[in-house]
């Protein structure tokens, strides 16, 4: 199997990526900085590099640019990783010369599929192509005006054009879909077919968010019994009225399509649950391997960012003296943000032990400390000791789903257990120090 170098300054995330790749039989090397990665690359060339965008010192995109300018490493397959799946950061990674891109919280299935593809393990297409005839605009690239989509799948698109882009070009795709809003995706030219009948095959580098949902819905709507010309610009002739038997057959086809769609959605949900459980298992193992309170809180923060995918959040713990909530850790806030704010929603969650979730859209997020998108109690042995408040997510969810409730709840349970263990450890350490001081005093006399 392949040798893969992982570069990330979050050891917890390195452990997760390593577990995925070891399961595939790969040999895995790790580095926590660009400088350490360069030192390893001086010794030998791995088969693939999995590189975090944000690193201490030299960032991942800077390292990627350096490698692309180095003769012996310019063709090294590179997948970049970041916690923020935003178009600006995607372009930053692609402009640096990476081959592909994944976002945190990472999906094992997505990561391994991309690794297999870049290692040449994927032979042929992994998703069925749908023949179409659609208008397409290739970002800011000039074309001959005759660029058309010949076929499309969940993974890529083939565009017929007499002026194809160069292989490896990064392109923003704007596809006009019938009876739907336009499809906006980012892609990379994977192959070029010359000649009048040629064009270019483009691999979707980052097909998620709104673009992914529009694409999935469009592909589901395609009736394979219809010819490709169903999506051509000329209006098709009106079909003859179907017979009763044809109507029954058509109705049955629609019923089967609906059943298949429900089944497919269930499979997606199961895969997401399995991915969350795998991530949480790795995270909880690391969380329960430390006993000092500061280390526990630091790992909780890493989990919320990298595995829950929260861009803005706060871990609030109940004070021992007055029982009020105080800021212990988070992202996007400071302790002062919670000192003079109405904590009604947070206090209610603490008192009741019941989680709170915003109903409806959560895409916009919240900057108000008093109005989280979600608030999950941190409880141990029937006592509520704090609240995890989520205000903004990296992943642009339309709304919270049952799989999110499960992930947040399980994560909070592990956090509570680790915090409780750290409290016991600190108490035992205080007693040990007191006993030691007492014995030292006796021995002096």
Protein backbone atom coordinates (compact mmCIF):
# COMPACT_ATOMS: atom_id res chain seq x y z
CA UNK A 1 0.00 0.00 0.00
CA UNK A 2 0.95 3.68 -0.06
CA UNK A 3 3.00 5.84 2.29
CA UNK A 4 1.04 8.94 3.30
CA UNK A 5 2.36 11.97 5.19
CA UNK A 6 -0.17 13.74 7.43
CA UNK A 7 0.52 17.34 8.43
CA UNK A 8 -1.67 18.95 11.10
CA UNK A 9 -0.89 20.81 14.32
CA UNK A 10 -3.90 19.25 16.12
CA UNK A 11 -2.70 15.88 17.40
CA UNK A 12 -6.28 14.77 17.98
CA UNK A 13 -7.06 15.24 14.30
CA UNK A 14 -3.85 13.50 13.27
CA UNK A 15 -4.97 10.49 15.29
CA UNK A 16 -8.32 10.45 13.48
CA UNK A 17 -6.81 10.70 9.99
CA UNK A 18 -4.20 8.08 10.90
CA UNK A 19 -6.87 5.63 12.07
CA UNK A 20 -8.76 5.98 8.76
CA UNK A 21 -5.65 5.37 6.66
CA UNK A 22 -4.24 2.54 8.78
CA UNK A 23 -7.55 0.70 8.32
CA UNK A 24 -6.85 0.84 4.57
CA UNK A 25 -3.42 -0.70 5.07
CA UNK A 26 -1.38 2.43 4.34
CA UNK A 27 1.87 3.36 6.04
CA UNK A 28 1.38 6.68 7.82
CA UNK A 29 3.90 9.38 8.73
CA UNK A 30 2.96 12.50 10.70
CA UNK A 31 4.21 16.06 11.19
CA UNK A 32 2.76 18.94 13.22
CA UNK A 33 4.26 21.80 11.20
CA UNK A 34 5.34 22.69 7.67
CA UNK A 35 8.97 22.79 8.82
CA UNK A 36 8.71 19.26 10.23
CA UNK A 37 7.03 18.10 7.01
CA UNK A 38 9.85 19.57 4.90
CA UNK A 39 12.38 17.72 7.05
CA UNK A 40 10.58 14.43 6.38
CA UNK A 41 10.31 15.20 2.67
CA UNK A 42 14.08 15.67 2.54
CA UNK A 43 14.48 12.07 3.71
CA UNK A 44 12.00 10.49 1.30
CA UNK A 45 9.04 11.14 -0.97
CA UNK A 46 5.68 9.80 0.26
CA UNK A 47 2.98 8.70 -2.17
CA UNK A 48 0.55 11.36 -0.97
CA UNK A 49 0.44 14.38 1.34
CA UNK A 50 -2.57 15.26 3.50
CA UNK A 51 -1.97 18.89 4.48
CA UNK A 52 -3.84 21.19 6.86
CA UNK A 53 -4.37 24.75 5.60
CA UNK A 54 -3.68 26.47 8.92
CA UNK A 55 -0.38 25.60 10.58
CA UNK A 56 1.94 27.38 13.02
CA UNK A 57 4.62 29.29 11.13
CA UNK A 58 4.35 28.39 7.46
CA UNK A 59 0.73 27.72 6.46
CA UNK A 60 -0.33 24.75 4.37
CA UNK A 61 -0.95 26.73 1.17
CA UNK A 62 2.53 28.27 1.43
CA UNK A 63 4.05 24.82 1.84
CA UNK A 64 2.03 23.55 -1.12
CA UNK A 65 3.39 26.39 -3.29
CA UNK A 66 6.95 25.53 -2.23
CA UNK A 67 6.47 21.88 -3.13
CA UNK A 68 4.98 22.71 -6.53
CA UNK A 69 8.09 24.80 -7.26
CA UNK A 70 10.41 21.91 -6.33
CA UNK A 71 11.32 19.61 -9.21
CA UNK A 72 11.24 16.30 -7.32
CA UNK A 73 8.00 17.11 -5.45
CA UNK A 74 5.98 19.15 -7.94
CA UNK A 75 3.86 16.13 -8.92
CA UNK A 76 3.31 14.87 -5.36
CA UNK A 77 -0.45 14.31 -4.86
CA UNK A 78 -1.68 16.78 -2.21
CA UNK A 79 -5.04 16.89 -0.44
CA UNK A 80 -5.55 20.01 1.67
CA UNK A 81 -7.68 20.04 4.81
CA UNK A 82 -9.34 22.95 6.57
CA UNK A 83 -12.09 23.51 9.11
CA UNK A 84 -13.73 26.21 7.04
CA UNK A 85 -15.39 25.06 3.84
CA UNK A 86 -15.69 28.57 2.44
CA UNK A 87 -15.19 29.38 -1.23
CA UNK A 88 -12.41 31.87 -0.52
CA UNK A 89 -10.40 29.28 1.39
CA UNK A 90 -11.13 26.64 -1.24
CA UNK A 91 -9.73 28.92 -3.94
CA UNK A 92 -6.72 29.66 -1.74
CA UNK A 93 -5.95 25.93 -1.51
CA UNK A 94 -6.50 25.26 -5.21
CA UNK A 95 -4.45 28.29 -6.28
CA UNK A 96 -1.59 26.87 -4.21
CA UNK A 97 -1.66 23.82 -6.48
CA UNK A 98 -3.30 21.10 -4.38
CA UNK A 99 -5.03 18.24 -6.16
CA UNK A 100 -8.06 18.01 -3.92
CA UNK A 101 -9.66 19.33 -0.77
CA UNK A 102 -11.60 18.06 2.28
CA UNK A 103 -13.18 19.91 5.18
CA UNK A 104 -13.48 19.26 8.88
CA UNK A 105 -15.42 17.57 10.38
CA UNK A 106 -13.99 14.99 8.05
CA UNK A 107 -15.91 12.09 6.53
CA UNK A 108 -14.01 8.81 6.41
CA UNK A 109 -15.80 7.77 3.22
CA UNK A 110 -15.04 11.06 1.44
CA UNK A 111 -11.40 11.12 2.53
CA UNK A 112 -10.69 7.53 1.50
CA UNK A 113 -12.42 7.97 -1.87
CA UNK A 114 -10.24 11.00 -2.63
CA UNK A 115 -7.09 9.20 -1.45
CA UNK A 116 -7.89 6.19 -3.66
CA UNK A 117 -8.53 8.45 -6.64
CA UNK A 118 -5.24 10.33 -6.29
CA UNK A 119 -3.30 7.12 -5.75
CA UNK A 120 -4.78 5.76 -8.97
CA UNK A 121 -6.76 3.07 -7.17
CA UNK A 122 -10.04 4.17 -8.73
CA UNK A 123 -10.37 2.66 -12.18
CA UNK A 124 -13.06 4.24 -14.32
CA UNK A 125 -16.03 6.15 -13.04
CA UNK A 126 -17.37 5.73 -9.51
CA UNK A 127 -20.72 7.38 -10.26
CA UNK A 128 -23.08 6.87 -13.19
CA UNK A 129 -23.02 9.67 -15.77
CA UNK A 130 -26.30 11.23 -16.88
CA UNK A 131 -26.39 12.40 -20.55
CA UNK A 132 -27.56 16.01 -20.83
CA UNK A 133 -27.33 19.06 -23.07
CA UNK A 134 -26.99 22.13 -20.86
CA UNK A 135 -25.50 25.60 -21.08
CA UNK A 136 -22.46 26.21 -18.89
CA UNK A 137 -20.31 29.21 -18.04
CA UNK A 138 -16.74 28.54 -16.92
CA UNK A 139 -16.14 31.25 -14.36
CA UNK A 140 -14.05 34.07 -15.82
CA UNK A 141 -12.50 31.88 -18.51
CA UNK A 142 -13.10 32.93 -22.11
CA UNK A 143 -14.67 30.24 -24.31
CA UNK A 144 -15.89 30.00 -27.86
CA UNK A 145 -19.46 30.46 -26.65
CA UNK A 146 -20.36 26.89 -27.57
CA UNK A 147 -19.39 25.16 -24.32
CA UNK A 148 -22.08 22.64 -23.38
CA UNK A 149 -22.42 19.99 -20.70
CA UNK A 150 -22.48 16.58 -22.39
CA UNK A 151 -22.88 14.46 -19.24
CA UNK A 152 -22.84 14.94 -15.48
CA UNK A 153 -22.58 12.79 -12.36
CA UNK A 154 -22.21 13.22 -8.62
CA UNK A 155 -18.41 13.33 -9.06
CA UNK A 156 -17.80 15.25 -12.25
CA UNK A 157 -18.88 16.71 -15.55
CA UNK A 158 -17.84 16.50 -19.20
CA UNK A 159 -18.00 19.75 -21.14
CA UNK A 160 -17.93 19.75 -24.92
CA UNK A 161 -15.85 22.69 -26.14
CA UNK A 162 -13.50 23.41 -29.02
CA UNK A 163 -11.40 25.55 -26.66
CA UNK A 164 -10.86 23.36 -23.57
CA UNK A 165 -8.84 24.57 -20.61
CA UNK A 166 -5.50 23.06 -19.73
CA UNK A 167 -5.38 19.94 -17.60
CA UNK A 168 -5.15 20.90 -13.91
CA UNK A 169 -6.96 24.23 -14.38
CA UNK A 170 -9.26 25.25 -11.53
CA UNK A 171 -12.63 26.48 -12.70
CA UNK A 172 -15.89 27.78 -11.24
CA UNK A 173 -18.80 26.09 -13.00
CA UNK A 174 -22.16 27.76 -13.52
CA UNK A 175 -24.57 25.28 -15.11
CA UNK A 176 -28.07 26.23 -16.23
CA UNK A 177 -30.46 23.50 -15.08
CA UNK A 178 -34.02 23.09 -16.37
CA UNK A 179 -36.73 23.85 -13.78
CA UNK A 180 -34.10 24.63 -11.12
CA UNK A 181 -31.83 27.36 -9.90
CA UNK A 182 -28.35 27.40 -11.52
CA UNK A 183 -25.74 24.97 -10.29
CA UNK A 184 -22.55 26.57 -8.94
CA UNK A 185 -19.62 24.23 -8.23
CA UNK A 186 -15.83 24.29 -8.17
CA UNK A 187 -13.88 21.81 -10.28
CA UNK A 188 -10.52 20.88 -11.71
CA UNK A 189 -9.82 19.77 -15.28
CA UNK A 190 -8.85 16.09 -15.08
CA UNK A 191 -8.61 15.22 -18.79
CA UNK A 192 -8.72 16.96 -22.15
CA UNK A 193 -10.05 15.39 -25.36
CA UNK A 194 -8.80 17.28 -28.45
CA UNK A 195 -10.68 17.78 -31.72
CA UNK A 196 -14.03 19.12 -32.87
CA UNK A 197 -15.93 16.48 -30.89
CA UNK A 198 -13.66 16.86 -27.86
CA UNK A 199 -13.85 18.74 -24.64
CA UNK A 200 -12.76 18.30 -21.06
CA UNK A 201 -13.62 16.12 -18.10
CA UNK A 202 -13.84 18.11 -14.87
CA UNK A 203 -13.66 16.52 -11.43
CA UNK A 204 -15.71 18.22 -8.70
CA UNK A 205 -13.17 19.25 -6.07
CA UNK A 206 -15.55 20.55 -3.46
CA UNK A 207 -19.11 19.41 -4.25
CA UNK A 208 -20.94 20.22 -1.04
CA UNK A 209 -23.17 22.90 0.46
CA UNK A 210 -25.96 24.35 -1.64
CA UNK A 211 -24.36 23.24 -4.91
CA UNK A 212 -24.28 19.61 -3.80
CA UNK A 213 -27.95 19.67 -2.82
CA UNK A 214 -29.02 21.16 -6.16
CA UNK A 215 -26.91 18.60 -8.04
CA UNK A 216 -28.27 15.65 -6.05
CA UNK A 217 -31.85 16.78 -6.60
CA UNK A 218 -31.25 17.27 -10.34
CA UNK A 219 -29.74 13.78 -10.69
CA UNK A 220 -32.62 12.23 -8.75
CA UNK A 221 -35.12 13.86 -11.10
CA UNK A 222 -33.59 12.34 -14.21
CA UNK A 223 -35.73 9.64 -15.78
CA UNK A 224 -33.39 7.11 -17.38
CA UNK A 225 -36.18 6.02 -19.72
CA UNK A 226 -36.04 9.45 -21.42
CA UNK A 227 -33.43 10.13 -24.12
CA UNK A 228 -30.65 12.70 -23.50
CA UNK A 229 -32.45 15.23 -25.70
CA UNK A 230 -34.93 15.74 -22.87
CA UNK A 231 -32.65 18.54 -21.64
CA UNK A 232 -31.89 20.12 -25.01
CA UNK A 233 -33.03 23.66 -25.64
CA UNK A 234 -35.74 22.94 -28.29
CA UNK A 235 -39.11 22.10 -26.81
CA UNK A 236 -39.90 18.38 -27.18
CA UNK A 237 -42.99 17.37 -29.09
CA UNK A 238 -46.06 16.62 -26.98
CA UNK A 239 -46.24 12.86 -26.37
CA UNK A 240 -49.30 10.88 -27.23
CA UNK A 241 -51.76 10.28 -24.39
CA UNK A 242 -50.67 7.14 -22.53
CA UNK A 243 -52.92 4.14 -22.35
CA UNK A 244 -54.31 2.96 -19.02
CA UNK A 245 -51.60 0.29 -18.84
CA UNK A 246 -48.89 2.87 -19.56
CA UNK A 247 -50.31 5.16 -16.88
CA UNK A 248 -50.21 2.34 -14.34
CA UNK A 249 -46.65 1.50 -15.34
CA UNK A 250 -45.60 5.15 -15.12
CA UNK A 251 -47.23 5.47 -11.69
CA UNK A 252 -45.39 2.37 -10.50
CA UNK A 253 -42.09 3.79 -11.77
CA UNK A 254 -42.73 6.98 -9.79
CA UNK A 255 -43.50 4.94 -6.66
CA UNK A 256 -40.31 2.93 -7.07
CA UNK A 257 -38.29 6.12 -7.57
CA UNK A 258 -39.74 7.51 -4.35
CA UNK A 259 -38.93 4.31 -2.47
CA UNK A 260 -35.37 4.36 -3.84
CA UNK A 261 -34.97 7.98 -2.82
CA UNK A 262 -36.11 7.24 0.76
CA UNK A 263 -33.77 4.24 0.91
CA UNK A 264 -30.85 6.31 -0.42
CA UNK A 265 -31.51 9.03 2.18
CA UNK A 266 -31.54 6.37 4.92
CA UNK A 267 -28.18 5.05 3.71
CA UNK A 268 -26.75 8.58 3.79
CA UNK A 269 -28.01 9.03 7.35
CA UNK A 270 -26.54 5.68 8.44
CA UNK A 271 -23.19 6.61 6.88
CA UNK A 272 -23.23 9.97 8.68
CA UNK A 273 -24.03 8.29 12.01
CA UNK A 274 -21.22 5.77 11.51
CA UNK A 275 -18.81 8.57 10.63
CA UNK A 276 -19.79 10.52 13.76
CA UNK A 277 -19.35 7.44 15.95
CA UNK A 278 -15.90 6.76 14.49
CA UNK A 279 -14.81 10.36 15.00
CA UNK A 280 -16.19 10.42 18.53
CA UNK A 281 -14.46 7.16 19.43
CA UNK A 282 -11.06 8.59 18.48
CA UNK A 283 -11.83 11.89 20.19
CA UNK A 284 -13.10 10.32 23.42
CA UNK A 285 -10.05 8.04 23.63
CA UNK A 286 -7.83 11.12 23.59
CA UNK A 287 -10.13 13.01 25.96
CA UNK A 288 -10.04 10.27 28.60
CA UNK A 289 -6.26 9.87 28.35
CA UNK A 290 -5.63 13.11 30.28
CA UNK A 291 -6.64 14.10 33.80
CA UNK A 292 -5.55 17.71 34.22
CA UNK A 293 -8.43 20.17 33.88
CA UNK A 294 -6.63 22.53 31.45
CA UNK A 295 -5.74 19.62 29.17
CA UNK A 296 -9.31 18.27 29.28
CA UNK A 297 -10.78 21.65 28.35
CA UNK A 298 -8.22 22.10 25.56
CA UNK A 299 -9.19 18.73 24.02
CA UNK A 300 -12.92 19.51 24.37
CA UNK A 301 -12.26 22.67 22.37
CA UNK A 302 -10.42 20.71 19.66
CA UNK A 303 -13.31 18.23 19.44
CA UNK A 304 -15.94 20.95 19.08
CA UNK A 305 -13.97 22.65 16.29
CA UNK A 306 -12.70 19.64 14.36
CA UNK A 307 -15.37 16.99 14.93
CA UNK A 308 -18.57 18.92 15.62
CA UNK A 309 -17.55 21.54 13.07
CA UNK A 310 -18.33 24.60 15.16
CA UNK A 311 -16.80 27.91 14.11
CA UNK A 312 -18.15 29.84 17.10
CA UNK A 313 -19.02 28.30 20.48
CA UNK A 314 -18.62 28.58 24.25
CA UNK A 315 -18.05 26.03 27.00
CA UNK A 316 -19.71 27.43 30.12
CA UNK A 317 -19.22 25.75 33.51
CA UNK A 318 -21.11 26.25 36.75
CA UNK A 319 -19.21 28.08 39.48
CA UNK A 320 -18.68 26.30 42.79
CA UNK A 321 -19.57 29.32 44.91
CA UNK A 322 -22.72 30.84 43.40
CA UNK A 323 -23.71 28.28 40.77
CA UNK A 324 -23.70 30.79 37.90
CA UNK A 325 -22.27 29.99 34.50
CA UNK A 326 -18.81 31.26 33.61
CA UNK A 327 -16.85 31.05 30.36
CA UNK A 328 -14.25 28.25 30.42
CA UNK A 329 -13.25 27.98 26.75
CA UNK A 330 -14.53 28.62 23.26
CA UNK A 331 -13.98 30.27 19.91
CA UNK A 332 -15.13 33.72 18.83
CA UNK A 333 -15.89 34.91 22.38
CA UNK A 334 -14.08 36.19 25.46
CA UNK A 335 -15.05 35.75 29.14
CA UNK A 336 -16.27 39.36 29.21
CA UNK A 337 -18.93 38.56 26.58
CA UNK A 338 -20.82 36.48 29.16
CA UNK A 339 -20.44 38.60 32.30
CA UNK A 340 -23.13 41.20 31.58
CA UNK A 341 -25.38 39.23 29.23
CA UNK A 342 -28.83 37.82 29.89
CA UNK A 343 -28.09 34.10 30.26
CA UNK A 344 -31.76 33.13 30.49
CA UNK A 345 -31.63 30.54 27.68
CA UNK A 346 -28.37 29.06 28.96
CA UNK A 347 -29.49 29.00 32.60
CA UNK A 348 -32.74 27.31 31.59
CA UNK A 349 -30.79 24.53 29.86
CA UNK A 350 -28.55 24.19 32.92
CA UNK A 351 -31.52 24.00 35.29
CA UNK A 352 -33.65 21.61 33.22
CA UNK A 353 -30.94 19.41 31.79
CA UNK A 354 -32.78 19.53 28.45
CA UNK A 355 -30.97 20.51 25.25
CA UNK A 356 -32.12 23.51 23.23
CA UNK A 357 -31.99 23.61 19.42
CA UNK A 358 -33.03 26.40 17.09
CA UNK A 359 -35.89 25.37 14.85
CA UNK A 360 -35.49 26.15 11.17
CA UNK A 361 -32.50 27.63 9.33
CA UNK A 362 -29.16 27.85 11.14
CA UNK A 363 -27.02 28.92 8.18
CA UNK A 364 -26.62 32.54 9.34
CA UNK A 365 -25.41 31.58 12.81
CA UNK A 366 -25.57 33.88 15.83
CA UNK A 367 -23.19 36.43 17.35
CA UNK A 368 -25.37 37.06 20.41
CA UNK A 369 -24.04 35.24 23.52
CA UNK A 370 -27.61 35.09 24.84
CA UNK A 371 -28.99 33.44 21.67
CA UNK A 372 -27.11 30.25 20.74
CA UNK A 373 -28.18 27.99 17.87
CA UNK A 374 -27.91 25.05 20.24
CA UNK A 375 -27.25 24.61 23.95
CA UNK A 376 -26.45 21.18 25.35
CA UNK A 377 -26.22 20.48 29.10
CA UNK A 378 -23.04 18.89 30.45
CA UNK A 379 -24.24 16.45 33.08
CA UNK A 380 -22.63 13.79 35.29
CA UNK A 381 -24.38 11.55 37.81
CA UNK A 382 -27.57 13.54 37.57
CA UNK A 383 -25.87 16.90 38.20
CA UNK A 384 -25.69 19.56 35.50
CA UNK A 385 -22.23 21.11 35.67
CA UNK A 386 -22.23 23.26 32.55
CA UNK A 387 -23.51 24.04 29.07
CA UNK A 388 -21.98 23.76 25.61
CA UNK A 389 -23.39 26.60 23.48
CA UNK A 390 -23.04 26.48 19.67
CA UNK A 391 -23.36 29.76 17.74
CA UNK A 392 -22.03 29.10 14.23
CA UNK A 393 -21.08 26.03 12.20
CA UNK A 394 -18.48 25.62 9.46
CA UNK A 395 -20.81 23.28 7.60
CA UNK A 396 -23.68 25.31 6.15
CA UNK A 397 -26.59 23.27 7.51
CA UNK A 398 -30.12 24.31 6.66
CA UNK A 399 -31.33 23.00 10.01
CA UNK A 400 -30.34 20.61 12.79
CA UNK A 401 -31.12 16.94 12.16
CA UNK A 402 -31.49 13.95 14.54
CA UNK A 403 -27.93 12.89 13.72
CA UNK A 404 -26.73 16.26 15.08
CA UNK A 405 -28.69 15.78 18.31
CA UNK A 406 -27.02 12.40 18.75
CA UNK A 407 -23.51 13.73 18.11
CA UNK A 408 -23.87 16.77 20.40
CA UNK A 409 -25.39 14.71 23.22
CA UNK A 410 -22.74 11.98 23.11
CA UNK A 411 -19.95 14.55 22.91
CA UNK A 412 -21.37 16.37 25.96
CA UNK A 413 -21.53 13.10 27.91
CA UNK A 414 -17.84 12.39 27.23
CA UNK A 415 -16.94 15.98 28.13
CA UNK A 416 -18.83 15.70 31.43
CA UNK A 417 -17.10 12.43 32.32
CA UNK A 418 -13.65 13.86 31.56
CA UNK A 419 -14.33 17.04 33.55
CA UNK A 420 -15.56 14.97 36.49
CA UNK A 421 -12.40 12.84 36.37
CA UNK A 422 -10.23 15.95 36.26
CA UNK A 423 -12.06 17.33 39.32
CA UNK A 424 -11.37 14.11 41.24
CA UNK A 425 -7.73 14.25 40.16
CA UNK A 426 -7.34 17.85 41.32
CA UNK A 427 -8.99 17.02 44.65
CA UNK A 428 -6.66 14.04 45.17
CA UNK A 429 -3.68 16.21 44.25
CA UNK A 430 -4.72 18.83 46.81
CA UNK A 431 -5.05 16.15 49.49
CA UNK A 432 -1.69 14.69 48.53
CA UNK A 433 -0.02 18.10 48.77
CA UNK A 434 -1.71 18.75 52.13
CA UNK A 435 -0.62 15.35 53.45
CA UNK A 436 2.92 15.90 52.15
CA UNK A 437 3.07 19.31 53.84
CA UNK A 438 1.79 17.83 57.09
CA UNK A 439 4.36 15.02 57.01
CA UNK A 440 7.17 17.44 56.18
CA UNK A 441 6.14 19.53 59.18
CA UNK A 442 6.15 16.47 61.49
CA UNK A 443 9.51 15.26 60.24
CA UNK A 444 11.07 18.65 60.96
CA UNK A 445 10.10 18.30 64.58
